């Protein structure tokens, strides 16, 4: 897969995406959407804005990675964000994750393992 920097940047990209989604979830919990006006107001709350910034940084990292590695490798690796997001949902939001979802997460992990071989 190339050098250690690329591995770190892939992990950073995934973590930034998950952190951004987590901040959006926190922001929407504090400012529920009740229509277009509340959606516009929610965009300017600290959690939502912070999530947008993290996504912007993740995009810069992603563009760099795309310039160095094949997208056929990178895009499947980015699916690890789904796995990490499920863990965040379980730990921080106490969401129930059904056995079927855990099986799906396992399938993602097997797929990633096959892609990196």
PDB file of N, CA and C in Angstrom:
ATOM      1  N   UNK A   1       0.817  -1.188   0.000  1.00  0.00           N
ATOM      2  CA  UNK A   1       0.000   0.000   0.000  1.00  0.00           C
ATOM      3  C   UNK A   1       0.861   1.252   0.000  1.00  0.00           C
ATOM      4  N   UNK A   2       2.091   1.143   0.004  1.00  0.00           N
ATOM      5  CA  UNK A   2       3.010   2.285  -0.039  1.00  0.00           C
ATOM      6  C   UNK A   2       3.552   2.554   1.345  1.00  0.00           C
ATOM      7  N   UNK A   3       3.840   3.814   1.596  1.00  0.00           N
ATOM      8  CA  UNK A   3       4.600   4.135   2.802  1.00  0.00           C
ATOM      9  C   UNK A   3       3.729   4.428   4.025  1.00  0.00           C
ATOM     10  N   UNK A   4       4.389   4.609   5.144  1.00  0.00           N
ATOM     11  CA  UNK A   4       3.702   4.836   6.422  1.00  0.00           C
ATOM     12  C   UNK A   4       2.909   6.142   6.407  1.00  0.00           C
ATOM     13  N   UNK A   5       3.411   7.154   5.709  1.00  0.00           N
ATOM     14  CA  UNK A   5       2.682   8.429   5.640  1.00  0.00           C
ATOM     15  C   UNK A   5       1.304   8.226   5.026  1.00  0.00           C
ATOM     16  N   UNK A   6       1.232   7.436   3.965  1.00  0.00           N
ATOM     17  CA  UNK A   6      -0.067   7.181   3.342  1.00  0.00           C
ATOM     18  C   UNK A   6      -1.021   6.462   4.296  1.00  0.00           C
ATOM     19  N   UNK A   7      -0.501   5.520   5.050  1.00  0.00           N
ATOM     20  CA  UNK A   7      -1.327   4.793   6.019  1.00  0.00           C
ATOM     21  C   UNK A   7      -1.857   5.761   7.077  1.00  0.00           C
ATOM     22  N   UNK A   8      -0.989   6.625   7.569  1.00  0.00           N
ATOM     23  CA  UNK A   8      -1.401   7.618   8.572  1.00  0.00           C
ATOM     24  C   UNK A   8      -2.445   8.559   7.984  1.00  0.00           C
ATOM     25  N   UNK A   9      -2.245   8.992   6.751  1.00  0.00           N
ATOM     26  CA  UNK A   9      -3.198   9.917   6.127  1.00  0.00           C
ATOM     27  C   UNK A   9      -4.546   9.255   5.860  1.00  0.00           C
ATOM     28  N   UNK A  10      -4.526   7.988   5.500  1.00  0.00           N
ATOM     29  CA  UNK A  10      -5.793   7.267   5.327  1.00  0.00           C
ATOM     30  C   UNK A  10      -6.532   7.190   6.654  1.00  0.00           C
ATOM     31  N   UNK A  11      -5.818   6.848   7.717  1.00  0.00           N
ATOM     32  CA  UNK A  11      -6.432   6.790   9.051  1.00  0.00           C
ATOM     33  C   UNK A  11      -6.927   8.165   9.476  1.00  0.00           C
ATOM     34  N   UNK A  12      -6.156   9.205   9.200  1.00  0.00           N
ATOM     35  CA  UNK A  12      -6.568  10.569   9.530  1.00  0.00           C
ATOM     36  C   UNK A  12      -7.837  10.947   8.780  1.00  0.00           C
ATOM     37  N   UNK A  13      -7.889  10.628   7.492  1.00  0.00           N
ATOM     38  CA  UNK A  13      -9.070  10.927   6.690  1.00  0.00           C
ATOM     39  C   UNK A  13     -10.308  10.261   7.279  1.00  0.00           C
ATOM     40  N   UNK A  14     -10.174   8.991   7.627  1.00  0.00           N
ATOM     41  CA  UNK A  14     -11.301   8.248   8.210  1.00  0.00           C
ATOM     42  C   UNK A  14     -11.731   8.873   9.535  1.00  0.00           C
ATOM     43  N   UNK A  15     -10.770   9.190  10.386  1.00  0.00           N
ATOM     44  CA  UNK A  15     -11.086   9.787  11.686  1.00  0.00           C
ATOM     45  C   UNK A  15     -11.736  11.160  11.542  1.00  0.00           C
ATOM     46  N   UNK A  16     -11.267  11.945  10.587  1.00  0.00           N
ATOM     47  CA  UNK A  16     -11.876  13.258  10.349  1.00  0.00           C
ATOM     48  C   UNK A  16     -13.327  13.120   9.893  1.00  0.00           C
ATOM     49  N   UNK A  17     -13.590  12.163   9.015  1.00  0.00           N
ATOM     50  CA  UNK A  17     -14.962  11.936   8.560  1.00  0.00           C
ATOM     51  C   UNK A  17     -15.872  11.526   9.714  1.00  0.00           C
ATOM     52  N   UNK A  18     -15.392  10.607  10.527  1.00  0.00           N
ATOM     53  CA  UNK A  18     -16.196  10.133  11.661  1.00  0.00           C
ATOM     54  C   UNK A  18     -16.404  11.252  12.678  1.00  0.00           C
ATOM     55  N   UNK A  19     -15.364  12.009  12.962  1.00  0.00           N
ATOM     56  CA  UNK A  19     -15.485  13.129  13.907  1.00  0.00           C
ATOM     57  C   UNK A  19     -16.458  14.171  13.376  1.00  0.00           C
ATOM     58  N   UNK A  20     -16.392  14.443  12.077  1.00  0.00           N
ATOM     59  CA  UNK A  20     -17.330  15.401  11.483  1.00  0.00           C
ATOM     60  C   UNK A  20     -18.767  14.937  11.618  1.00  0.00           C
ATOM     61  N   UNK A  21     -19.027  13.674  11.316  1.00  0.00           N
ATOM     62  CA  UNK A  21     -20.379  13.130  11.466  1.00  0.00           C
ATOM     63  C   UNK A  21     -20.840  13.173  12.922  1.00  0.00           C
ATOM     64  N   UNK A  22     -19.936  12.870  13.822  1.00  0.00           N
ATOM     65  CA  UNK A  22     -20.266  12.887  15.250  1.00  0.00           C
ATOM     66  C   UNK A  22     -20.633  14.304  15.697  1.00  0.00           C
ATOM     67  N   UNK A  23     -19.861  15.280  15.249  1.00  0.00           N
ATOM     68  CA  UNK A  23     -20.188  16.671  15.590  1.00  0.00           C
ATOM     69  C   UNK A  23     -21.528  17.087  15.005  1.00  0.00           C
ATOM     70  N   UNK A  24     -21.827  16.658  13.791  1.00  0.00           N
ATOM     71  CA  UNK A  24     -23.130  16.979  13.204  1.00  0.00           C
ATOM     72  C   UNK A  24     -24.260  16.361  14.015  1.00  0.00           C
ATOM     73  N   UNK A  25     -24.071  15.127  14.447  1.00  0.00           N
ATOM     74  CA  UNK A  25     -25.096  14.459  15.261  1.00  0.00           C
ATOM     75  C   UNK A  25     -25.300  15.214  16.578  1.00  0.00           C
ATOM     76  N   UNK A  26     -24.200  15.626  17.214  1.00  0.00           N
ATOM     77  CA  UNK A  26     -24.305  16.399  18.455  1.00  0.00           C
ATOM     78  C   UNK A  26     -24.993  17.743  18.219  1.00  0.00           C
ATOM     79  N   UNK A  27     -24.629  18.386  17.130  1.00  0.00           N
ATOM     80  CA  UNK A  27     -25.238  19.675  16.802  1.00  0.00           C
ATOM     81  C   UNK A  27     -26.725  19.565  16.546  1.00  0.00           C
ATOM     82  N   UNK A  28     -27.129  18.519  15.860  1.00  0.00           N
ATOM     83  CA  UNK A  28     -28.555  18.343  15.570  1.00  0.00           C
ATOM     84  C   UNK A  28     -29.332  17.902  16.800  1.00  0.00           C
ATOM     85  N   UNK A  29     -28.661  17.238  17.729  1.00  0.00           N
ATOM     86  CA  UNK A  29     -29.322  16.890  18.992  1.00  0.00           C
ATOM     87  C   UNK A  29     -29.623  18.156  19.791  1.00  0.00           C
ATOM     88  N   UNK A  30     -28.718  19.128  19.703  1.00  0.00           N
ATOM     89  CA  UNK A  30     -28.910  20.387  20.431  1.00  0.00           C
ATOM     90  C   UNK A  30     -29.845  21.341  19.702  1.00  0.00           C
ATOM     91  N   UNK A  31     -29.913  21.219  18.383  1.00  0.00           N
ATOM     92  CA  UNK A  31     -30.751  22.111  17.564  1.00  0.00           C
ATOM     93  C   UNK A  31     -31.530  21.285  16.552  1.00  0.00           C
ATOM     94  N   UNK A  32     -32.606  20.637  16.994  1.00  0.00           N
ATOM     95  CA  UNK A  32     -33.374  19.775  16.082  1.00  0.00           C
ATOM     96  C   UNK A  32     -33.928  20.580  14.903  1.00  0.00           C
ATOM     97  N   UNK A  33     -33.985  19.918  13.765  1.00  0.00           N
ATOM     98  CA  UNK A  33     -34.518  20.575  12.576  1.00  0.00           C
ATOM     99  C   UNK A  33     -36.040  20.512  12.594  1.00  0.00           C
ATOM    100  N   UNK A  34     -36.643  21.684  12.422  1.00  0.00           N
ATOM    101  CA  UNK A  34     -38.110  21.774  12.397  1.00  0.00           C
ATOM    102  C   UNK A  34     -38.599  22.502  11.157  1.00  0.00           C
ATOM    103  N   UNK A  35     -37.729  22.672  10.205  1.00  0.00           N
ATOM    104  CA  UNK A  35     -38.075  23.357   8.976  1.00  0.00           C
ATOM    105  C   UNK A  35     -36.851  24.011   8.381  1.00  0.00           C
ATOM    106  N   UNK A  36     -37.060  24.705   7.283  1.00  0.00           N
ATOM    107  CA  UNK A  36     -35.943  25.306   6.572  1.00  0.00           C
ATOM    108  C   UNK A  36     -35.216  26.350   7.419  1.00  0.00           C
ATOM    109  N   UNK A  37     -35.967  27.152   8.154  1.00  0.00           N
ATOM    110  CA  UNK A  37     -35.338  28.176   8.994  1.00  0.00           C
ATOM    111  C   UNK A  37     -34.436  27.584  10.055  1.00  0.00           C
ATOM    112  N   UNK A  38     -34.900  26.535  10.701  1.00  0.00           N
ATOM    113  CA  UNK A  38     -34.071  25.917  11.732  1.00  0.00           C
ATOM    114  C   UNK A  38     -32.873  25.202  11.112  1.00  0.00           C
ATOM    115  N   UNK A  39     -33.017  24.722   9.885  1.00  0.00           N
ATOM    116  CA  UNK A  39     -31.887  24.080   9.210  1.00  0.00           C
ATOM    117  C   UNK A  39     -30.794  25.101   8.910  1.00  0.00           C
ATOM    118  N   UNK A  40     -31.200  26.275   8.472  1.00  0.00           N
ATOM    119  CA  UNK A  40     -30.223  27.334   8.185  1.00  0.00           C
ATOM    120  C   UNK A  40     -29.536  27.770   9.476  1.00  0.00           C
ATOM    121  N   UNK A  41     -30.296  27.929  10.535  1.00  0.00           N
ATOM    122  CA  UNK A  41     -29.706  28.311  11.824  1.00  0.00           C
ATOM    123  C   UNK A  41     -28.757  27.235  12.347  1.00  0.00           C
ATOM    124  N   UNK A  42     -29.127  25.986  12.162  1.00  0.00           N
ATOM    125  CA  UNK A  42     -28.292  24.885  12.637  1.00  0.00           C
ATOM    126  C   UNK A  42     -26.935  24.875  11.940  1.00  0.00           C
ATOM    127  N   UNK A  43     -26.910  25.300  10.687  1.00  0.00           N
ATOM    128  CA  UNK A  43     -25.644  25.324   9.951  1.00  0.00           C
ATOM    129  C   UNK A  43     -24.593  26.195  10.610  1.00  0.00           C
ATOM    130  N   UNK A  44     -25.037  27.163  11.387  1.00  0.00           N
ATOM    131  CA  UNK A  44     -24.106  28.120  11.991  1.00  0.00           C
ATOM    132  C   UNK A  44     -23.864  27.884  13.476  1.00  0.00           C
ATOM    133  N   UNK A  45     -24.217  26.699  13.940  1.00  0.00           N
ATOM    134  CA  UNK A  45     -23.927  26.350  15.329  1.00  0.00           C
ATOM    135  C   UNK A  45     -22.503  25.797  15.410  1.00  0.00           C
ATOM    136  N   UNK A  46     -21.884  25.898  16.572  1.00  0.00           N
ATOM    137  CA  UNK A  46     -20.476  25.460  16.681  1.00  0.00           C
ATOM    138  C   UNK A  46     -20.236  24.006  16.274  1.00  0.00           C
ATOM    139  N   UNK A  47     -21.110  23.095  16.673  1.00  0.00           N
ATOM    140  CA  UNK A  47     -20.902  21.687  16.324  1.00  0.00           C
ATOM    141  C   UNK A  47     -20.970  21.474  14.812  1.00  0.00           C
ATOM    142  N   UNK A  48     -21.974  22.051  14.189  1.00  0.00           N
ATOM    143  CA  UNK A  48     -22.143  21.864  12.749  1.00  0.00           C
ATOM    144  C   UNK A  48     -20.987  22.510  11.991  1.00  0.00           C
ATOM    145  N   UNK A  49     -20.640  23.729  12.370  1.00  0.00           N
ATOM    146  CA  UNK A  49     -19.515  24.399  11.704  1.00  0.00           C
ATOM    147  C   UNK A  49     -18.211  23.631  11.894  1.00  0.00           C
ATOM    148  N   UNK A  50     -17.996  23.119  13.089  1.00  0.00           N
ATOM    149  CA  UNK A  50     -16.779  22.335  13.343  1.00  0.00           C
ATOM    150  C   UNK A  50     -16.755  21.073  12.479  1.00  0.00           C
ATOM    151  N   UNK A  51     -17.891  20.435  12.348  1.00  0.00           N
ATOM    152  CA  UNK A  51     -17.977  19.257  11.490  1.00  0.00           C
ATOM    153  C   UNK A  51     -17.683  19.591  10.038  1.00  0.00           C
ATOM    154  N   UNK A  52     -18.161  20.730   9.578  1.00  0.00           N
ATOM    155  CA  UNK A  52     -17.892  21.170   8.205  1.00  0.00           C
ATOM    156  C   UNK A  52     -16.394  21.407   8.015  1.00  0.00           C
ATOM    157  N   UNK A  53     -15.764  22.030   9.006  1.00  0.00           N
ATOM    158  CA  UNK A  53     -14.315  22.267   8.923  1.00  0.00           C
ATOM    159  C   UNK A  53     -13.561  20.937   8.854  1.00  0.00           C
ATOM    160  N   UNK A  54     -13.961  19.979   9.679  1.00  0.00           N
ATOM    161  CA  UNK A  54     -13.296  18.672   9.648  1.00  0.00           C
ATOM    162  C   UNK A  54     -13.479  17.990   8.296  1.00  0.00           C
ATOM    163  N   UNK A  55     -14.665  18.126   7.720  1.00  0.00           N
ATOM    164  CA  UNK A  55     -14.899  17.559   6.396  1.00  0.00           C
ATOM    165  C   UNK A  55     -14.042  18.243   5.341  1.00  0.00           C
ATOM    166  N   UNK A  56     -13.856  19.546   5.465  1.00  0.00           N
ATOM    167  CA  UNK A  56     -13.001  20.275   4.518  1.00  0.00           C
ATOM    168  C   UNK A  56     -11.561  19.778   4.614  1.00  0.00           C
ATOM    169  N   UNK A  57     -11.079  19.596   5.840  1.00  0.00           N
ATOM    170  CA  UNK A  57      -9.724  19.079   6.027  1.00  0.00           C
ATOM    171  C   UNK A  57      -9.627  17.657   5.465  1.00  0.00           C
ATOM    172  N   UNK A  58     -10.637  16.844   5.733  1.00  0.00           N
ATOM    173  CA  UNK A  58     -10.654  15.473   5.207  1.00  0.00           C
ATOM    174  C   UNK A  58     -10.613  15.481   3.683  1.00  0.00           C
ATOM    175  N   UNK A  59     -11.275  16.437   3.074  1.00  0.00           N
ATOM    176  CA  UNK A  59     -11.275  16.532   1.617  1.00  0.00           C
ATOM    177  C   UNK A  59      -9.886  16.858   1.081  1.00  0.00           C
ATOM    178  N   UNK A  60      -9.182  17.748   1.744  1.00  0.00           N
ATOM    179  CA  UNK A  60      -7.807  18.072   1.334  1.00  0.00           C
ATOM    180  C   UNK A  60      -6.917  16.835   1.452  1.00  0.00           C
ATOM    181  N   UNK A  61      -7.048  16.114   2.555  1.00  0.00           N
ATOM    182  CA  UNK A  61      -6.273  14.877   2.742  1.00  0.00           C
ATOM    183  C   UNK A  61      -6.633  13.865   1.654  1.00  0.00           C
ATOM    184  N   UNK A  62      -7.921  13.743   1.364  1.00  0.00           N
ATOM    185  CA  UNK A  62      -8.404  12.803   0.355  1.00  0.00           C
ATOM    186  C   UNK A  62      -7.819  13.132  -1.017  1.00  0.00           C
ATOM    187  N   UNK A  63      -7.824  14.404  -1.378  1.00  0.00           N
ATOM    188  CA  UNK A  63      -7.279  14.814  -2.671  1.00  0.00           C
ATOM    189  C   UNK A  63      -5.790  14.468  -2.747  1.00  0.00           C
ATOM    190  N   UNK A  64      -5.077  14.714  -1.680  1.00  0.00           N
ATOM    191  CA  UNK A  64      -3.652  14.340  -1.647  1.00  0.00           C
ATOM    192  C   UNK A  64      -3.494  12.828  -1.861  1.00  0.00           C
ATOM    193  N   UNK A  65      -4.284  12.050  -1.122  1.00  0.00           N
ATOM    194  CA  UNK A  65      -4.192  10.599  -1.244  1.00  0.00           C
ATOM    195  C   UNK A  65      -4.532  10.126  -2.653  1.00  0.00           C
ATOM    196  N   UNK A  66      -5.543  10.741  -3.259  1.00  0.00           N
ATOM    197  CA  UNK A  66      -5.912  10.365  -4.626  1.00  0.00           C
ATOM    198  C   UNK A  66      -4.779  10.630  -5.612  1.00  0.00           C
ATOM    199  N   UNK A  67      -3.966  11.618  -5.299  1.00  0.00           N
ATOM    200  CA  UNK A  67      -2.844  11.913  -6.190  1.00  0.00           C
ATOM    201  C   UNK A  67      -1.717  10.894  -6.039  1.00  0.00           C
ATOM    202  N   UNK A  68      -1.748  10.104  -4.981  1.00  0.00           N
ATOM    203  CA  UNK A  68      -0.657   9.170  -4.684  1.00  0.00           C
ATOM    204  C   UNK A  68      -1.024   7.692  -4.835  1.00  0.00           C
ATOM    205  N   UNK A  69      -2.297   7.375  -4.615  1.00  0.00           N
ATOM    206  CA  UNK A  69      -2.709   5.965  -4.579  1.00  0.00           C
ATOM    207  C   UNK A  69      -3.915   5.735  -5.481  1.00  0.00           C
ATOM    208  N   UNK A  70      -4.122   4.500  -5.910  1.00  0.00           N
ATOM    209  CA  UNK A  70      -5.273   4.204  -6.765  1.00  0.00           C
ATOM    210  C   UNK A  70      -6.595   4.336  -6.001  1.00  0.00           C
ATOM    211  N   UNK A  71      -7.576   4.887  -6.664  1.00  0.00           N
ATOM    212  CA  UNK A  71      -8.896   5.041  -6.039  1.00  0.00           C
ATOM    213  C   UNK A  71      -9.514   3.668  -5.754  1.00  0.00           C
ATOM    214  N   UNK A  72      -9.136   2.667  -6.540  1.00  0.00           N
ATOM    215  CA  UNK A  72      -9.655   1.308  -6.314  1.00  0.00           C
ATOM    216  C   UNK A  72      -9.167   0.728  -4.995  1.00  0.00           C
ATOM    217  N   UNK A  73      -8.124   1.288  -4.443  1.00  0.00           N
ATOM    218  CA  UNK A  73      -7.646   0.914  -3.109  1.00  0.00           C
ATOM    219  C   UNK A  73      -8.241   1.850  -2.057  1.00  0.00           C
ATOM    220  N   UNK A  74      -8.197   3.131  -2.335  1.00  0.00           N
ATOM    221  CA  UNK A  74      -8.599   4.125  -1.335  1.00  0.00           C
ATOM    222  C   UNK A  74     -10.080   4.060  -0.971  1.00  0.00           C
ATOM    223  N   UNK A  75     -10.919   3.966  -1.979  1.00  0.00           N
ATOM    224  CA  UNK A  75     -12.352   4.054  -1.684  1.00  0.00           C
ATOM    225  C   UNK A  75     -12.839   2.904  -0.800  1.00  0.00           C
ATOM    226  N   UNK A  76     -12.438   1.675  -1.076  1.00  0.00           N
ATOM    227  CA  UNK A  76     -12.831   0.612  -0.141  1.00  0.00           C
ATOM    228  C   UNK A  76     -12.275   0.819   1.276  1.00  0.00           C
ATOM    229  N   UNK A  77     -11.047   1.360   1.379  1.00  0.00           N
ATOM    230  CA  UNK A  77     -10.500   1.619   2.712  1.00  0.00           C
ATOM    231  C   UNK A  77     -11.314   2.663   3.462  1.00  0.00           C
ATOM    232  N   UNK A  78     -11.870   3.612   2.718  1.00  0.00           N
ATOM    233  CA  UNK A  78     -12.658   4.658   3.360  1.00  0.00           C
ATOM    234  C   UNK A  78     -13.936   4.079   3.986  1.00  0.00           C
ATOM    235  N   UNK A  79     -14.323   2.885   3.561  1.00  0.00           N
ATOM    236  CA  UNK A  79     -15.497   2.260   4.178  1.00  0.00           C
ATOM    237  C   UNK A  79     -15.254   1.920   5.648  1.00  0.00           C
ATOM    238  N   UNK A  80     -14.006   1.973   6.083  1.00  0.00           N
ATOM    239  CA  UNK A  80     -13.732   1.779   7.505  1.00  0.00           C
ATOM    240  C   UNK A  80     -14.371   2.884   8.350  1.00  0.00           C
ATOM    241  N   UNK A  81     -14.706   3.997   7.723  1.00  0.00           N
ATOM    242  CA  UNK A  81     -15.422   5.055   8.439  1.00  0.00           C
ATOM    243  C   UNK A  81     -16.783   4.541   8.920  1.00  0.00           C
ATOM    244  N   UNK A  82     -17.427   3.665   8.144  1.00  0.00           N
ATOM    245  CA  UNK A  82     -18.706   3.096   8.571  1.00  0.00           C
ATOM    246  C   UNK A  82     -18.527   2.255   9.829  1.00  0.00           C
ATOM    247  N   UNK A  83     -17.437   1.515   9.863  1.00  0.00           N
ATOM    248  CA  UNK A  83     -17.151   0.662  11.022  1.00  0.00           C
ATOM    249  C   UNK A  83     -16.913   1.526  12.259  1.00  0.00           C
ATOM    250  N   UNK A  84     -16.051   2.512  12.125  1.00  0.00           N
ATOM    251  CA  UNK A  84     -15.739   3.384  13.254  1.00  0.00           C
ATOM    252  C   UNK A  84     -16.956   4.185  13.697  1.00  0.00           C
ATOM    253  N   UNK A  85     -17.775   4.609  12.758  1.00  0.00           N
ATOM    254  CA  UNK A  85     -18.985   5.359  13.111  1.00  0.00           C
ATOM    255  C   UNK A  85     -19.940   4.488  13.921  1.00  0.00           C
ATOM    256  N   UNK A  86     -20.040   3.228  13.587  1.00  0.00           N
ATOM    257  CA  UNK A  86     -20.903   2.329  14.363  1.00  0.00           C
ATOM    258  C   UNK A  86     -20.393   2.205  15.792  1.00  0.00           C
ATOM    259  N   UNK A  87     -19.095   2.136  15.970  1.00  0.00           N
ATOM    260  CA  UNK A  87     -18.513   2.057  17.314  1.00  0.00           C
ATOM    261  C   UNK A  87     -18.802   3.353  18.078  1.00  0.00           C
ATOM    262  N   UNK A  88     -18.646   4.490  17.403  1.00  0.00           N
ATOM    263  CA  UNK A  88     -18.953   5.785  18.036  1.00  0.00           C
ATOM    264  C   UNK A  88     -20.432   5.845  18.426  1.00  0.00           C
ATOM    265  N   UNK A  89     -21.303   5.372  17.545  1.00  0.00           N
ATOM    266  CA  UNK A  89     -22.742   5.373  17.845  1.00  0.00           C
ATOM    267  C   UNK A  89     -23.045   4.533  19.078  1.00  0.00           C
ATOM    268  N   UNK A  90     -22.387   3.409  19.183  1.00  0.00           N
ATOM    269  CA  UNK A  90     -22.585   2.521  20.329  1.00  0.00           C
ATOM    270  C   UNK A  90     -22.062   3.145  21.617  1.00  0.00           C
ATOM    271  N   UNK A  91     -20.837   3.661  21.572  1.00  0.00           N
ATOM    272  CA  UNK A  91     -20.171   4.139  22.781  1.00  0.00           C
ATOM    273  C   UNK A  91     -20.697   5.503  23.232  1.00  0.00           C
ATOM    274  N   UNK A  92     -20.801   6.442  22.301  1.00  0.00           N
ATOM    275  CA  UNK A  92     -21.125   7.818  22.690  1.00  0.00           C
ATOM    276  C   UNK A  92     -22.611   8.142  22.647  1.00  0.00           C
ATOM    277  N   UNK A  93     -23.353   7.478  21.768  1.00  0.00           N
ATOM    278  CA  UNK A  93     -24.787   7.783  21.654  1.00  0.00           C
ATOM    279  C   UNK A  93     -25.668   6.653  22.186  1.00  0.00           C
ATOM    280  N   UNK A  94     -25.031   5.591  22.713  1.00  0.00           N
ATOM    281  CA  UNK A  94     -25.723   4.432  23.258  1.00  0.00           C
ATOM    282  C   UNK A  94     -26.782   3.890  22.296  1.00  0.00           C
ATOM    283  N   UNK A  95     -26.464   3.917  21.009  1.00  0.00           N
ATOM    284  CA  UNK A  95     -27.377   3.371  20.012  1.00  0.00           C
ATOM    285  C   UNK A  95     -27.296   1.849  20.022  1.00  0.00           C
ATOM    286  N   UNK A  96     -28.427   1.220  19.832  1.00  0.00           N
ATOM    287  CA  UNK A  96     -28.453  -0.236  19.706  1.00  0.00           C
ATOM    288  C   UNK A  96     -28.013  -0.601  18.295  1.00  0.00           C
ATOM    289  N   UNK A  97     -27.113  -1.548  18.201  1.00  0.00           N
ATOM    290  CA  UNK A  97     -26.669  -2.036  16.901  1.00  0.00           C
ATOM    291  C   UNK A  97     -27.046  -3.508  16.823  1.00  0.00           C
ATOM    292  N   UNK A  98     -27.928  -3.806  15.897  1.00  0.00           N
ATOM    293  CA  UNK A  98     -28.459  -5.166  15.790  1.00  0.00           C
ATOM    294  C   UNK A  98     -27.390  -6.132  15.297  1.00  0.00           C
ATOM    295  N   UNK A  99     -27.676  -7.406  15.491  1.00  0.00           N
ATOM    296  CA  UNK A  99     -26.755  -8.450  15.033  1.00  0.00           C
ATOM    297  C   UNK A  99     -26.557  -8.372  13.525  1.00  0.00           C
ATOM    298  N   UNK A 100     -27.621  -8.051  12.801  1.00  0.00           N
ATOM    299  CA  UNK A 100     -27.521  -7.926  11.353  1.00  0.00           C
ATOM    300  C   UNK A 100     -26.539  -6.825  10.962  1.00  0.00           C
ATOM    301  N   UNK A 101     -26.583  -5.714  11.669  1.00  0.00           N
ATOM    302  CA  UNK A 101     -25.632  -4.632  11.389  1.00  0.00           C
ATOM    303  C   UNK A 101     -24.210  -5.058  11.715  1.00  0.00           C
ATOM    304  N   UNK A 102     -24.027  -5.770  12.832  1.00  0.00           N
ATOM    305  CA  UNK A 102     -22.680  -6.244  13.169  1.00  0.00           C
ATOM    306  C   UNK A 102     -22.159  -7.190  12.092  1.00  0.00           C
ATOM    307  N   UNK A 103     -23.034  -8.011  11.561  1.00  0.00           N
ATOM    308  CA  UNK A 103     -22.623  -8.905  10.473  1.00  0.00           C
ATOM    309  C   UNK A 103     -22.201  -8.080   9.258  1.00  0.00           C
ATOM    310  N   UNK A 104     -22.978  -7.051   8.944  1.00  0.00           N
ATOM    311  CA  UNK A 104     -22.616  -6.166   7.836  1.00  0.00           C
ATOM    312  C   UNK A 104     -21.273  -5.495   8.065  1.00  0.00           C
ATOM    313  N   UNK A 105     -21.024  -5.074   9.295  1.00  0.00           N
ATOM    314  CA  UNK A 105     -19.734  -4.464   9.642  1.00  0.00           C
ATOM    315  C   UNK A 105     -18.613  -5.492   9.456  1.00  0.00           C
ATOM    316  N   UNK A 106     -18.881  -6.721   9.841  1.00  0.00           N
ATOM    317  CA  UNK A 106     -17.894  -7.789   9.620  1.00  0.00           C
ATOM    318  C   UNK A 106     -17.609  -7.999   8.145  1.00  0.00           C
ATOM    319  N   UNK A 107     -18.641  -7.927   7.327  1.00  0.00           N
ATOM    320  CA  UNK A 107     -18.459  -8.063   5.879  1.00  0.00           C
ATOM    321  C   UNK A 107     -17.571  -6.932   5.351  1.00  0.00           C
ATOM    322  N   UNK A 108     -17.803  -5.721   5.842  1.00  0.00           N
ATOM    323  CA  UNK A 108     -16.957  -4.590   5.439  1.00  0.00           C
ATOM    324  C   UNK A 108     -15.503  -4.872   5.803  1.00  0.00           C
ATOM    325  N   UNK A 109     -15.277  -5.346   7.021  1.00  0.00           N
ATOM    326  CA  UNK A 109     -13.900  -5.629   7.458  1.00  0.00           C
ATOM    327  C   UNK A 109     -13.243  -6.717   6.614  1.00  0.00           C
ATOM    328  N   UNK A 110     -13.992  -7.734   6.278  1.00  0.00           N
ATOM    329  CA  UNK A 110     -13.456  -8.791   5.403  1.00  0.00           C
ATOM    330  C   UNK A 110     -13.140  -8.213   4.031  1.00  0.00           C
ATOM    331  N   UNK A 111     -14.035  -7.377   3.514  1.00  0.00           N
ATOM    332  CA  UNK A 111     -13.799  -6.739   2.224  1.00  0.00           C
ATOM    333  C   UNK A 111     -12.546  -5.883   2.222  1.00  0.00           C
ATOM    334  N   UNK A 112     -12.364  -5.113   3.274  1.00  0.00           N
ATOM    335  CA  UNK A 112     -11.162  -4.268   3.384  1.00  0.00           C
ATOM    336  C   UNK A 112      -9.913  -5.151   3.430  1.00  0.00           C
ATOM    337  N   UNK A 113      -9.978  -6.219   4.180  1.00  0.00           N
ATOM    338  CA  UNK A 113      -8.828  -7.126   4.267  1.00  0.00           C
ATOM    339  C   UNK A 113      -8.489  -7.697   2.897  1.00  0.00           C
ATOM    340  N   UNK A 114      -9.490  -8.014   2.112  1.00  0.00           N
ATOM    341  CA  UNK A 114      -9.250  -8.552   0.770  1.00  0.00           C
ATOM    342  C   UNK A 114      -8.662  -7.490  -0.154  1.00  0.00           C
ATOM    343  N   UNK A 115      -9.127  -6.260  -0.022  1.00  0.00           N
ATOM    344  CA  UNK A 115      -8.652  -5.164  -0.885  1.00  0.00           C
ATOM    345  C   UNK A 115      -7.192  -4.856  -0.644  1.00  0.00           C
ATOM    346  N   UNK A 116      -6.748  -4.909   0.614  1.00  0.00           N
ATOM    347  CA  UNK A 116      -5.363  -4.539   0.909  1.00  0.00           C
ATOM    348  C   UNK A 116      -4.371  -5.659   0.615  1.00  0.00           C
ATOM    349  N   UNK A 117      -4.848  -6.865   0.376  1.00  0.00           N
ATOM    350  CA  UNK A 117      -3.929  -7.987   0.069  1.00  0.00           C
ATOM    351  C   UNK A 117      -3.390  -7.863  -1.333  1.00  0.00           C
TER     352      UNK A 117
END
